Amino acid sequence: MWQPDCGWAGSGWWWVMMVFMAIFWIAVIGGVIWLIVWLANRTRTAVGEGRESPLDILKRRYASGEINREEYERMKEELS
């Protein structure tokens, strides 16, 4: 039975408040973890992951016929 002078603790609704507090803190912790992972992935991509290396560009240019063998060998030596 609900007693007006006891508030939430005396009414038996304290467990509902605990469940909502647990959900709240799980959401906060999950949000922080998600933010850290998102920022780490964004930073790693911005640094240059996924870009072609200079040697890959040189190989592609040689394969497409933009440069001849002599130019390829000279530029490859300069990159090494």
Protein backbone atom coordinates (compact mmCIF):
# COMPACT_ATOMS: atom_id res chain seq x y z
CA MET A 1 0.00 0.00 0.00
CA TRP A 2 1.28 3.42 -0.90
CA GLN A 3 2.08 5.75 1.95
CA PRO A 4 2.32 9.44 1.11
CA ASP A 5 5.07 10.18 3.63
CA CYS A 6 7.46 7.51 2.27
CA GLY A 7 7.80 8.80 -1.30
CA TRP A 8 9.30 6.55 -3.99
CA ALA A 9 11.17 4.26 -1.61
CA GLY A 10 8.07 3.22 0.30
CA SER A 11 5.88 2.72 -2.74
CA GLY A 12 7.83 -0.15 -4.29
CA TRP A 13 8.76 1.83 -7.42
CA TRP A 14 12.43 2.02 -6.44
CA TRP A 15 13.27 -0.96 -8.68
CA VAL A 16 11.83 0.87 -11.73
CA MET A 17 14.09 3.82 -10.99
CA MET A 18 17.09 1.49 -10.67
CA VAL A 19 16.32 -0.10 -14.05
CA PHE A 20 16.10 3.30 -15.72
CA MET A 21 19.35 4.40 -14.08
CA ALA A 22 21.07 1.25 -15.34
CA ILE A 23 19.75 1.88 -18.86
CA PHE A 24 20.94 5.49 -18.65
CA TRP A 25 24.48 4.57 -17.61
CA ILE A 26 24.72 1.78 -20.18
CA ALA A 27 23.71 4.31 -22.86
CA VAL A 28 26.27 6.86 -21.63
CA ILE A 29 29.11 4.31 -21.54
CA GLY A 30 28.09 2.90 -24.93
CA GLY A 31 28.02 6.40 -26.40
CA VAL A 32 31.50 7.17 -25.12
CA ILE A 33 32.87 3.90 -26.54
CA TRP A 34 31.18 4.55 -29.88
CA LEU A 35 32.65 8.07 -30.00
CA ILE A 36 36.18 6.82 -29.28
CA VAL A 37 35.97 4.13 -31.98
CA TRP A 38 34.51 6.60 -34.49
CA LEU A 39 37.25 9.15 -33.83
CA ALA A 40 39.97 6.48 -34.06
CA ASN A 41 38.67 5.27 -37.43
CA ARG A 42 38.33 8.81 -38.71
CA THR A 43 41.88 9.69 -37.66
CA ARG A 44 43.34 6.53 -39.18
CA THR A 45 41.60 7.21 -42.50
CA ALA A 46 42.69 10.86 -42.51
CA VAL A 47 46.33 9.92 -41.94
CA GLY A 48 46.48 8.16 -45.27
CA GLU A 49 45.33 4.61 -44.95
CA GLY A 50 43.96 3.53 -48.29
CA ARG A 51 46.13 5.89 -50.31
CA GLU A 52 48.40 4.65 -53.04
CA SER A 53 52.09 4.64 -52.26
CA PRO A 54 54.44 6.46 -54.66
CA LEU A 55 55.74 3.11 -55.91
CA ASP A 56 52.18 1.93 -56.64
CA ILE A 57 51.53 5.11 -58.62
CA LEU A 58 54.76 4.58 -60.53
CA LYS A 59 53.81 0.97 -61.34
CA ARG A 60 50.36 2.08 -62.50
CA ARG A 61 51.87 4.77 -64.75
CA TYR A 62 54.29 2.25 -66.27
CA ALA A 63 51.54 -0.30 -66.81
CA SER A 64 49.31 2.26 -68.53
CA GLY A 65 52.14 3.35 -70.84
CA GLU A 66 52.55 6.89 -69.49
CA ILE A 67 56.27 6.31 -68.94
CA ASN A 68 58.78 4.01 -70.61
CA ARG A 69 61.03 1.41 -69.01
CA GLU A 70 64.01 3.73 -68.59
CA GLU A 71 61.91 6.36 -66.82
CA TYR A 72 60.33 3.67 -64.67
CA GLU A 73 63.70 2.25 -63.59
CA ARG A 74 65.16 5.73 -62.90
CA MET A 75 62.16 6.85 -60.83
CA LYS A 76 62.04 3.53 -58.99
CA GLU A 77 65.71 3.96 -58.04
CA GLU A 78 65.05 7.51 -56.83
CA LEU A 79 62.18 6.33 -54.63
CA SER A 80 64.26 3.60 -53.00
